[in-house]
């Protein structure tokens, strides 16, 4: 009985080529601000690693910046990420707020003050599981900027991140 249960569970986990095999996450466009360019914390969606990976689509790269309202270096880096985003439209840049959605007023205050034009969302599931899914380790330090490219590129960039350091680290993936 236990052996047949184990075999059944094992076969269902690997999929056995059945139609019930897990499908790749659906590719969706990155989140967008309201028509006036303002991000509303109340409308931010939750993103996990699989959803971030699906954002890449046919683009070479996704740069994901984990930030928190209490982390001044995170907020300071947003201007550099904005400059990189504006210079490299071929790259998806995504800000992920690590605060709980219940911190909406504090998140809104940051978004209103900095006014990033690159997509914003909530990090779902926590930093550790997010980074482990990408094959990286969580060291407990914010800001944390991650570059996700092909299957070989999963890079945690050292802080502080600037447009220049992003361009230098990611040169092979940027449009010429």
N, C-alpha and C. Protein backbone atom coordinates (compact mmCIF):
# COMPACT_ATOMS: atom_id res chain seq x y z
N UNK A 1 0.83 -1.20 0.00
CA UNK A 1 0.00 0.00 0.00
C UNK A 1 0.87 1.26 0.00
N UNK A 2 1.83 1.34 0.95
CA UNK A 2 2.71 2.51 1.00
C UNK A 2 3.54 2.62 -0.26
N UNK A 3 4.02 1.46 -0.78
CA UNK A 3 4.83 1.48 -1.99
C UNK A 3 4.03 2.03 -3.17
N UNK A 4 2.80 1.60 -3.34
CA UNK A 4 1.99 2.09 -4.46
C UNK A 4 1.66 3.58 -4.30
N UNK A 5 1.45 4.01 -3.04
CA UNK A 5 1.21 5.43 -2.79
C UNK A 5 2.44 6.24 -3.15
N UNK A 6 3.64 5.75 -2.77
CA UNK A 6 4.89 6.43 -3.08
C UNK A 6 5.09 6.53 -4.59
N UNK A 7 4.86 5.41 -5.31
CA UNK A 7 5.03 5.42 -6.77
C UNK A 7 4.03 6.39 -7.40
N UNK A 8 2.80 6.39 -6.93
CA UNK A 8 1.79 7.30 -7.46
C UNK A 8 2.18 8.76 -7.22
N UNK A 9 2.66 9.05 -6.01
CA UNK A 9 3.08 10.43 -5.71
C UNK A 9 4.28 10.82 -6.55
N UNK A 10 5.24 9.92 -6.72
CA UNK A 10 6.43 10.21 -7.51
C UNK A 10 6.06 10.48 -8.96
N UNK A 11 5.19 9.63 -9.53
CA UNK A 11 4.78 9.83 -10.91
C UNK A 11 4.02 11.13 -11.10
N UNK A 12 3.20 11.50 -10.14
CA UNK A 12 2.45 12.75 -10.28
C UNK A 12 3.36 13.96 -10.15
N UNK A 13 4.46 13.83 -9.38
CA UNK A 13 5.38 14.96 -9.23
C UNK A 13 6.19 15.17 -10.50
N UNK A 14 6.61 14.09 -11.16
CA UNK A 14 7.41 14.26 -12.36
C UNK A 14 6.55 14.47 -13.60
N UNK A 15 5.26 14.19 -13.49
CA UNK A 15 4.34 14.48 -14.56
C UNK A 15 4.16 13.35 -15.56
N UNK A 16 5.17 12.53 -15.80
CA UNK A 16 5.07 11.39 -16.72
C UNK A 16 4.56 11.79 -18.08
N UNK A 17 4.71 13.02 -18.47
CA UNK A 17 4.27 13.47 -19.77
C UNK A 17 2.76 13.57 -19.91
N UNK A 18 2.04 13.46 -18.82
CA UNK A 18 0.58 13.57 -18.87
C UNK A 18 0.16 15.02 -19.05
N UNK A 19 -1.05 15.21 -19.48
CA UNK A 19 -1.57 16.56 -19.67
C UNK A 19 -1.64 17.33 -18.36
N UNK A 20 -1.62 16.61 -17.24
CA UNK A 20 -1.71 17.29 -15.95
C UNK A 20 -0.36 17.81 -15.46
N UNK A 21 0.68 17.69 -16.28
CA UNK A 21 1.99 18.21 -15.89
C UNK A 21 1.88 19.70 -15.65
N UNK A 22 2.68 20.21 -14.70
CA UNK A 22 2.60 21.65 -14.44
C UNK A 22 2.96 22.44 -15.68
N UNK A 23 2.16 23.40 -15.98
CA UNK A 23 2.41 24.26 -17.14
C UNK A 23 3.32 25.41 -16.74
N UNK A 24 4.01 25.95 -17.72
CA UNK A 24 4.84 27.12 -17.47
C UNK A 24 3.91 28.28 -17.10
N UNK A 25 4.40 29.19 -16.25
CA UNK A 25 3.55 30.33 -15.89
C UNK A 25 3.18 31.14 -17.13
N UNK A 26 1.97 31.62 -17.16
CA UNK A 26 1.52 32.42 -18.29
C UNK A 26 2.31 33.72 -18.32
N UNK A 27 2.73 34.11 -19.51
CA UNK A 27 3.46 35.36 -19.67
C UNK A 27 2.47 36.51 -19.65
N UNK A 28 2.72 37.47 -18.78
CA UNK A 28 1.87 38.65 -18.69
C UNK A 28 2.74 39.88 -18.77
N UNK A 29 2.16 40.95 -19.20
CA UNK A 29 2.89 42.21 -19.24
C UNK A 29 3.20 42.66 -17.82
N UNK A 30 4.29 43.39 -17.64
CA UNK A 30 4.58 43.92 -16.31
C UNK A 30 3.46 44.84 -15.86
N UNK A 31 3.32 45.02 -14.54
CA UNK A 31 2.31 45.95 -14.05
C UNK A 31 2.58 47.36 -14.59
N UNK A 32 1.55 48.15 -14.63
CA UNK A 32 1.68 49.52 -15.13
C UNK A 32 1.03 50.49 -14.14
N UNK A 33 1.55 51.72 -14.09
CA UNK A 33 0.94 52.71 -13.20
C UNK A 33 -0.39 53.20 -13.77
N UNK A 34 -1.07 53.98 -12.98
CA UNK A 34 -2.33 54.60 -13.42
C UNK A 34 -2.04 55.55 -14.59
N UNK A 35 -3.06 56.02 -15.25
CA UNK A 35 -2.91 56.89 -16.41
C UNK A 35 -2.10 58.15 -16.09
N UNK A 36 -2.17 58.62 -14.84
CA UNK A 36 -1.41 59.82 -14.46
C UNK A 36 0.03 59.50 -14.06
N UNK A 37 0.46 58.23 -14.23
CA UNK A 37 1.82 57.84 -13.89
C UNK A 37 2.02 57.50 -12.43
N UNK A 38 0.96 57.57 -11.65
CA UNK A 38 1.07 57.34 -10.20
C UNK A 38 0.81 55.87 -9.89
N UNK A 39 1.66 55.31 -9.04
CA UNK A 39 1.45 53.95 -8.54
C UNK A 39 0.56 54.03 -7.31
N UNK A 40 -0.40 53.16 -7.22
CA UNK A 40 -1.26 53.09 -6.04
C UNK A 40 -0.96 51.80 -5.29
N UNK A 41 -0.50 51.92 -4.05
CA UNK A 41 -0.15 50.75 -3.26
C UNK A 41 -1.32 49.78 -3.16
N UNK A 42 -2.52 50.31 -3.14
CA UNK A 42 -3.70 49.45 -3.01
C UNK A 42 -3.94 48.59 -4.25
N UNK A 43 -3.31 48.93 -5.37
CA UNK A 43 -3.52 48.15 -6.58
C UNK A 43 -2.31 47.29 -6.95
N UNK A 44 -1.24 47.30 -6.12
CA UNK A 44 -0.07 46.49 -6.43
C UNK A 44 -0.41 45.01 -6.31
N UNK A 45 0.09 44.23 -7.26
CA UNK A 45 -0.13 42.79 -7.27
C UNK A 45 1.01 42.09 -6.54
N UNK A 46 0.77 40.83 -6.16
CA UNK A 46 1.83 40.02 -5.54
C UNK A 46 2.56 39.26 -6.64
N UNK A 47 3.88 39.26 -6.56
CA UNK A 47 4.72 38.53 -7.50
C UNK A 47 5.59 37.56 -6.72
N UNK A 48 5.69 36.33 -7.22
CA UNK A 48 6.65 35.38 -6.66
C UNK A 48 7.71 35.13 -7.74
N UNK A 49 8.65 34.25 -7.47
CA UNK A 49 9.75 34.02 -8.41
C UNK A 49 9.26 33.52 -9.76
N UNK A 50 8.28 32.61 -9.76
CA UNK A 50 7.79 32.09 -11.03
C UNK A 50 7.15 33.19 -11.88
N UNK A 51 6.44 34.07 -11.25
CA UNK A 51 5.81 35.17 -11.99
C UNK A 51 6.87 36.14 -12.53
N UNK A 52 7.92 36.37 -11.75
CA UNK A 52 9.02 37.22 -12.23
C UNK A 52 9.72 36.55 -13.40
N UNK A 53 9.98 35.25 -13.30
CA UNK A 53 10.62 34.53 -14.41
C UNK A 53 9.76 34.60 -15.67
N UNK A 54 8.46 34.52 -15.53
CA UNK A 54 7.56 34.58 -16.68
C UNK A 54 7.59 35.96 -17.35
N UNK A 55 7.93 36.99 -16.60
CA UNK A 55 8.01 38.34 -17.17
C UNK A 55 9.08 38.45 -18.25
N UNK A 56 10.12 37.64 -18.11
CA UNK A 56 11.24 37.75 -19.04
C UNK A 56 10.79 37.53 -20.47
N UNK A 57 9.96 36.53 -20.69
CA UNK A 57 9.47 36.29 -22.04
C UNK A 57 10.59 36.24 -23.05
N UNK A 58 10.49 37.04 -24.10
CA UNK A 58 11.53 37.05 -25.13
C UNK A 58 12.60 38.10 -24.88
N UNK A 59 12.53 38.74 -23.74
CA UNK A 59 13.56 39.74 -23.41
C UNK A 59 14.77 39.03 -22.81
N UNK A 60 15.90 39.67 -22.90
CA UNK A 60 17.13 39.06 -22.41
C UNK A 60 17.23 39.05 -20.90
N UNK A 61 16.53 39.96 -20.24
CA UNK A 61 16.85 40.20 -18.85
C UNK A 61 15.70 40.80 -18.06
N UNK A 62 15.62 40.41 -16.80
CA UNK A 62 14.75 41.08 -15.83
C UNK A 62 15.64 41.51 -14.67
N UNK A 63 15.56 42.76 -14.29
CA UNK A 63 16.25 43.26 -13.11
C UNK A 63 15.19 43.52 -12.06
N UNK A 64 15.30 42.82 -10.94
CA UNK A 64 14.31 42.91 -9.87
C UNK A 64 14.96 43.52 -8.64
N UNK A 65 14.39 44.60 -8.15
CA UNK A 65 14.93 45.29 -6.97
C UNK A 65 13.98 45.08 -5.79
N UNK A 66 14.46 44.41 -4.75
CA UNK A 66 13.69 44.23 -3.53
C UNK A 66 13.91 45.45 -2.66
N UNK A 67 12.82 46.04 -2.16
CA UNK A 67 12.94 47.25 -1.35
C UNK A 67 11.91 47.25 -0.23
N UNK A 68 12.16 48.09 0.75
CA UNK A 68 11.24 48.25 1.88
C UNK A 68 11.14 49.72 2.23
N UNK A 69 10.01 50.10 2.80
CA UNK A 69 9.77 51.51 3.14
C UNK A 69 10.73 52.03 4.19
N UNK A 70 11.23 51.16 5.05
CA UNK A 70 12.12 51.56 6.15
C UNK A 70 13.58 51.57 5.72
N UNK A 71 13.88 51.18 4.48
CA UNK A 71 15.25 51.03 3.98
C UNK A 71 15.63 52.22 3.10
N UNK A 72 16.28 53.21 3.70
CA UNK A 72 16.67 54.40 2.94
C UNK A 72 17.59 54.08 1.77
N UNK A 73 18.58 53.18 1.91
CA UNK A 73 19.40 52.84 0.72
C UNK A 73 18.55 52.26 -0.42
N UNK A 74 17.51 51.51 -0.09
CA UNK A 74 16.60 50.97 -1.12
C UNK A 74 15.95 52.11 -1.89
N UNK A 75 15.48 53.08 -1.16
CA UNK A 75 14.77 54.21 -1.77
C UNK A 75 15.74 55.07 -2.58
N UNK A 76 16.95 55.23 -2.06
CA UNK A 76 17.97 56.00 -2.78
C UNK A 76 18.33 55.34 -4.11
N UNK A 77 18.35 54.01 -4.15
CA UNK A 77 18.69 53.29 -5.39
C UNK A 77 17.61 53.42 -6.47
N UNK A 78 16.41 53.77 -6.07
CA UNK A 78 15.33 53.86 -7.05
C UNK A 78 15.63 54.85 -8.17
N UNK A 79 16.33 55.92 -7.89
CA UNK A 79 16.69 56.89 -8.93
C UNK A 79 17.65 56.26 -9.94
N UNK A 80 18.57 55.44 -9.46
CA UNK A 80 19.52 54.76 -10.35
C UNK A 80 18.82 53.70 -11.19
N UNK A 81 17.90 52.97 -10.56
CA UNK A 81 17.11 51.99 -11.31
C UNK A 81 16.25 52.68 -12.36
N UNK A 82 15.72 53.84 -12.02
CA UNK A 82 14.94 54.64 -12.97
C UNK A 82 15.80 55.02 -14.17
N UNK A 83 17.02 55.50 -13.92
CA UNK A 83 17.93 55.88 -15.01
C UNK A 83 18.26 54.68 -15.89
N UNK A 84 18.52 53.54 -15.27
CA UNK A 84 18.79 52.31 -16.03
C UNK A 84 17.56 51.91 -16.85
N UNK A 85 16.40 51.94 -16.23
CA UNK A 85 15.15 51.60 -16.91
C UNK A 85 14.92 52.49 -18.12
N UNK A 86 15.14 53.77 -17.99
CA UNK A 86 14.93 54.71 -19.09
C UNK A 86 15.95 54.50 -20.21
N UNK A 87 17.17 54.09 -19.87
CA UNK A 87 18.22 53.89 -20.87
C UNK A 87 18.12 52.53 -21.55
N UNK A 88 17.43 51.57 -20.95
CA UNK A 88 17.40 50.20 -21.47
C UNK A 88 15.98 49.64 -21.52
N UNK A 89 15.19 50.10 -22.49
CA UNK A 89 13.81 49.61 -22.58
C UNK A 89 13.73 48.11 -22.92
N UNK A 90 14.83 47.53 -23.36
CA UNK A 90 14.85 46.10 -23.68
C UNK A 90 14.89 45.22 -22.43
N UNK A 91 15.10 45.83 -21.28
CA UNK A 91 15.18 45.11 -20.01
C UNK A 91 13.93 45.40 -19.19
N UNK A 92 13.36 44.37 -18.60
CA UNK A 92 12.26 44.57 -17.66
C UNK A 92 12.88 44.91 -16.32
N UNK A 93 12.53 46.05 -15.76
CA UNK A 93 12.95 46.42 -14.41
C UNK A 93 11.70 46.36 -13.54
N UNK A 94 11.80 45.69 -12.41
CA UNK A 94 10.65 45.49 -11.54
C UNK A 94 11.05 45.77 -10.10
N UNK A 95 10.31 46.64 -9.44
CA UNK A 95 10.50 46.88 -8.01
C UNK A 95 9.54 46.01 -7.22
N UNK A 96 10.05 45.32 -6.22
CA UNK A 96 9.19 44.48 -5.37
C UNK A 96 9.27 44.98 -3.94
N UNK A 97 8.17 45.52 -3.46
CA UNK A 97 8.10 45.98 -2.07
C UNK A 97 8.03 44.76 -1.16
N UNK A 98 8.92 44.70 -0.18
CA UNK A 98 8.94 43.57 0.74
C UNK A 98 8.07 43.80 1.96
N UNK A 99 7.55 45.01 2.11
CA UNK A 99 6.63 45.31 3.21
C UNK A 99 5.33 44.53 3.01
N UNK A 100 4.63 44.28 4.07
CA UNK A 100 3.31 43.65 3.97
C UNK A 100 2.33 44.62 3.33
N UNK A 101 1.35 44.11 2.60
CA UNK A 101 0.34 45.00 2.01
C UNK A 101 -0.34 45.89 3.04
N UNK A 102 -0.36 45.47 4.31
CA UNK A 102 -0.98 46.30 5.35
C UNK A 102 -0.19 47.59 5.60
N UNK A 103 1.03 47.68 5.06
CA UNK A 103 1.83 48.91 5.18
C UNK A 103 1.56 49.83 4.00
N UNK A 104 0.36 49.73 3.44
CA UNK A 104 0.02 50.48 2.24
C UNK A 104 0.27 51.97 2.30
N UNK A 105 -0.01 52.62 3.44
CA UNK A 105 0.20 54.07 3.53
C UNK A 105 1.69 54.41 3.42
N UNK A 106 2.54 53.63 4.07
CA UNK A 106 3.99 53.88 4.00
C UNK A 106 4.52 53.60 2.59
N UNK A 107 4.03 52.54 1.97
CA UNK A 107 4.43 52.22 0.59
C UNK A 107 3.98 53.33 -0.34
N UNK A 108 2.75 53.79 -0.16
CA UNK A 108 2.23 54.87 -1.00
C UNK A 108 3.07 56.13 -0.86
N UNK A 109 3.48 56.44 0.36
CA UNK A 109 4.30 57.63 0.59
C UNK A 109 5.62 57.54 -0.19
N UNK A 110 6.25 56.37 -0.20
CA UNK A 110 7.50 56.20 -0.95
C UNK A 110 7.23 56.33 -2.45
N UNK A 111 6.21 55.66 -2.94
CA UNK A 111 5.91 55.72 -4.37
C UNK A 111 5.56 57.14 -4.82
N UNK A 112 4.85 57.89 -3.98
CA UNK A 112 4.52 59.27 -4.32
C UNK A 112 5.75 60.17 -4.29
N UNK A 113 6.66 59.90 -3.38
CA UNK A 113 7.86 60.73 -3.27
C UNK A 113 8.85 60.45 -4.40
N UNK A 114 9.07 59.18 -4.73
CA UNK A 114 10.08 58.81 -5.72
C UNK A 114 9.52 58.80 -7.14
N UNK A 115 8.26 58.42 -7.29
CA UNK A 115 7.56 58.36 -8.58
C UNK A 115 8.29 57.51 -9.62
N UNK A 116 8.60 56.24 -9.29
CA UNK A 116 9.28 55.40 -10.29
C UNK A 116 8.35 55.12 -11.46
N UNK A 117 8.92 55.07 -12.66
CA UNK A 117 8.10 54.73 -13.83
C UNK A 117 8.18 53.24 -14.14
N UNK A 118 9.17 52.56 -13.57
CA UNK A 118 9.27 51.11 -13.82
C UNK A 118 8.26 50.37 -12.95
N UNK A 119 7.86 49.17 -13.37
CA UNK A 119 6.81 48.43 -12.67
C UNK A 119 7.10 48.18 -11.19
N UNK A 120 6.03 48.18 -10.41
CA UNK A 120 6.09 47.95 -8.96
C UNK A 120 5.08 46.87 -8.60
N UNK A 121 5.44 46.06 -7.60
CA UNK A 121 4.55 45.01 -7.11
C UNK A 121 4.96 44.67 -5.69
N UNK A 122 4.21 43.77 -5.07
CA UNK A 122 4.57 43.23 -3.75
C UNK A 122 5.32 41.93 -3.95
N UNK A 123 6.29 41.67 -3.08
CA UNK A 123 6.96 40.38 -3.07
C UNK A 123 6.07 39.41 -2.31
N UNK A 124 5.64 38.36 -2.96
CA UNK A 124 4.82 37.35 -2.31
C UNK A 124 5.69 36.21 -1.80
N UNK A 125 5.48 35.78 -0.59
CA UNK A 125 6.16 34.60 -0.08
C UNK A 125 7.47 34.84 0.64
N UNK A 126 7.96 36.04 0.69
CA UNK A 126 9.18 36.34 1.42
C UNK A 126 10.45 36.27 0.59
N UNK A 127 11.47 36.95 1.10
CA UNK A 127 12.74 37.06 0.39
C UNK A 127 13.45 35.71 0.24
N UNK A 128 13.51 34.94 1.32
CA UNK A 128 14.23 33.66 1.29
C UNK A 128 13.70 32.71 0.24
N UNK A 129 12.39 32.39 0.27
CA UNK A 129 11.85 31.49 -0.75
C UNK A 129 12.00 32.05 -2.18
N UNK A 130 11.83 33.36 -2.34
CA UNK A 130 11.98 34.00 -3.65
C UNK A 130 13.38 33.75 -4.20
N UNK A 131 14.41 34.05 -3.39
CA UNK A 131 15.78 33.90 -3.85
C UNK A 131 16.16 32.43 -4.03
N UNK A 132 15.72 31.56 -3.14
CA UNK A 132 16.02 30.12 -3.29
C UNK A 132 15.47 29.59 -4.60
N UNK A 133 14.26 30.03 -4.97
CA UNK A 133 13.67 29.58 -6.24
C UNK A 133 14.51 30.01 -7.43
N UNK A 134 15.26 31.10 -7.26
CA UNK A 134 16.14 31.59 -8.32
C UNK A 134 17.55 31.00 -8.22
N UNK A 135 17.77 30.15 -7.22
CA UNK A 135 19.09 29.54 -7.04
C UNK A 135 20.07 30.44 -6.31
N UNK A 136 19.55 31.40 -5.56
CA UNK A 136 20.39 32.34 -4.83
C UNK A 136 20.11 32.22 -3.34
N UNK A 137 21.00 32.76 -2.54
CA UNK A 137 20.85 32.73 -1.09
C UNK A 137 20.40 34.10 -0.58
N UNK A 138 19.56 34.12 0.43
CA UNK A 138 19.12 35.34 1.09
C UNK A 138 20.07 35.62 2.24
N UNK A 139 20.74 36.76 2.21
CA UNK A 139 21.67 37.12 3.28
C UNK A 139 21.04 38.06 4.29
N UNK A 140 19.78 38.38 4.13
CA UNK A 140 19.08 39.23 5.07
C UNK A 140 19.32 40.72 4.88
N UNK A 141 19.96 41.10 3.78
CA UNK A 141 20.33 42.49 3.57
C UNK A 141 19.53 43.10 2.42
N UNK A 142 18.95 44.26 2.68
CA UNK A 142 18.31 45.07 1.65
C UNK A 142 19.14 46.34 1.50
N UNK A 143 19.15 46.97 0.34
CA UNK A 143 18.48 46.59 -0.87
C UNK A 143 19.12 45.34 -1.49
N UNK A 144 18.33 44.66 -2.29
CA UNK A 144 18.79 43.48 -3.00
C UNK A 144 18.31 43.60 -4.43
N UNK A 145 19.26 43.64 -5.36
CA UNK A 145 18.94 43.73 -6.77
C UNK A 145 19.40 42.45 -7.45
N UNK A 146 18.49 41.83 -8.16
CA UNK A 146 18.72 40.54 -8.80
C UNK A 146 18.60 40.72 -10.31
N UNK A 147 19.53 40.12 -11.06
CA UNK A 147 19.42 40.09 -12.51
C UNK A 147 19.10 38.65 -12.92
N UNK A 148 18.08 38.50 -13.74
CA UNK A 148 17.63 37.19 -14.20
C UNK A 148 17.68 37.20 -15.72
N UNK A 149 18.50 36.34 -16.26
CA UNK A 149 18.59 36.21 -17.71
C UNK A 149 18.26 34.80 -18.13
N UNK A 150 19.08 34.25 -19.00
CA UNK A 150 18.87 32.87 -19.41
C UNK A 150 19.12 31.95 -18.21
N UNK A 151 19.08 30.67 -18.43
CA UNK A 151 19.19 29.74 -17.31
C UNK A 151 20.52 29.84 -16.57
N UNK A 152 21.54 30.40 -17.21
CA UNK A 152 22.83 30.55 -16.55
C UNK A 152 22.93 31.83 -15.73
N UNK A 153 22.11 32.82 -15.99
CA UNK A 153 22.25 34.10 -15.31
C UNK A 153 21.22 34.27 -14.21
N UNK A 154 21.68 34.18 -13.00
CA UNK A 154 20.93 34.50 -11.79
C UNK A 154 21.95 35.21 -10.90
N UNK A 155 21.91 36.51 -10.90
CA UNK A 155 22.96 37.30 -10.30
C UNK A 155 22.41 38.23 -9.23
N UNK A 156 22.98 38.19 -8.05
CA UNK A 156 22.65 39.14 -6.99
C UNK A 156 23.72 40.22 -7.04
N UNK A 157 23.31 41.43 -7.35
CA UNK A 157 24.27 42.53 -7.53
C UNK A 157 24.58 43.21 -6.21
N UNK A 158 25.85 43.58 -6.00
CA UNK A 158 26.21 44.24 -4.75
C UNK A 158 25.62 45.65 -4.68
N UNK A 159 25.26 46.05 -3.48
CA UNK A 159 24.73 47.40 -3.25
C UNK A 159 25.87 48.32 -2.88
N UNK A 160 25.78 49.59 -3.16
CA UNK A 160 24.67 50.25 -3.84
C UNK A 160 24.72 50.02 -5.34
N UNK A 161 23.55 49.87 -5.94
CA UNK A 161 23.43 49.69 -7.38
C UNK A 161 23.30 51.07 -8.01
N UNK A 162 24.05 51.27 -9.08
CA UNK A 162 23.93 52.49 -9.87
C UNK A 162 23.67 52.08 -11.32
N UNK A 163 23.26 53.03 -12.12
CA UNK A 163 23.08 52.73 -13.55
C UNK A 163 24.37 52.18 -14.12
N UNK A 164 25.51 52.80 -13.77
CA UNK A 164 26.80 52.37 -14.31
C UNK A 164 27.16 50.95 -13.86
N UNK A 165 26.93 50.61 -12.59
CA UNK A 165 27.27 49.26 -12.15
C UNK A 165 26.34 48.22 -12.79
N UNK A 166 25.08 48.57 -12.98
CA UNK A 166 24.17 47.66 -13.68
C UNK A 166 24.63 47.45 -15.12
N UNK A 167 24.97 48.53 -15.80
CA UNK A 167 25.40 48.42 -17.20
C UNK A 167 26.70 47.62 -17.32
N UNK A 168 27.62 47.80 -16.40
CA UNK A 168 28.88 47.06 -16.44
C UNK A 168 28.63 45.57 -16.18
N UNK A 169 27.83 45.24 -15.19
CA UNK A 169 27.58 43.84 -14.84
C UNK A 169 26.77 43.12 -15.90
N UNK A 170 25.92 43.85 -16.60
CA UNK A 170 24.98 43.23 -17.53
C UNK A 170 25.29 43.51 -18.99
N UNK A 171 26.46 44.04 -19.29
CA UNK A 171 26.84 44.45 -20.65
C UNK A 171 26.54 43.39 -21.72
N UNK A 172 26.85 42.11 -21.49
CA UNK A 172 26.58 41.12 -22.55
C UNK A 172 25.09 40.96 -22.88
N UNK A 173 24.22 41.38 -21.98
CA UNK A 173 22.78 41.19 -22.18
C UNK A 173 22.07 42.44 -22.69
N UNK A 174 22.77 43.55 -22.74
CA UNK A 174 22.14 44.81 -23.12
C UNK A 174 22.21 45.03 -24.62
N UNK A 175 21.19 45.71 -25.16
CA UNK A 175 21.17 46.02 -26.59
C UNK A 175 22.35 46.92 -26.92
N UNK A 176 22.86 46.72 -28.05
CA UNK A 176 24.04 47.51 -28.46
C UNK A 176 23.63 48.73 -29.22
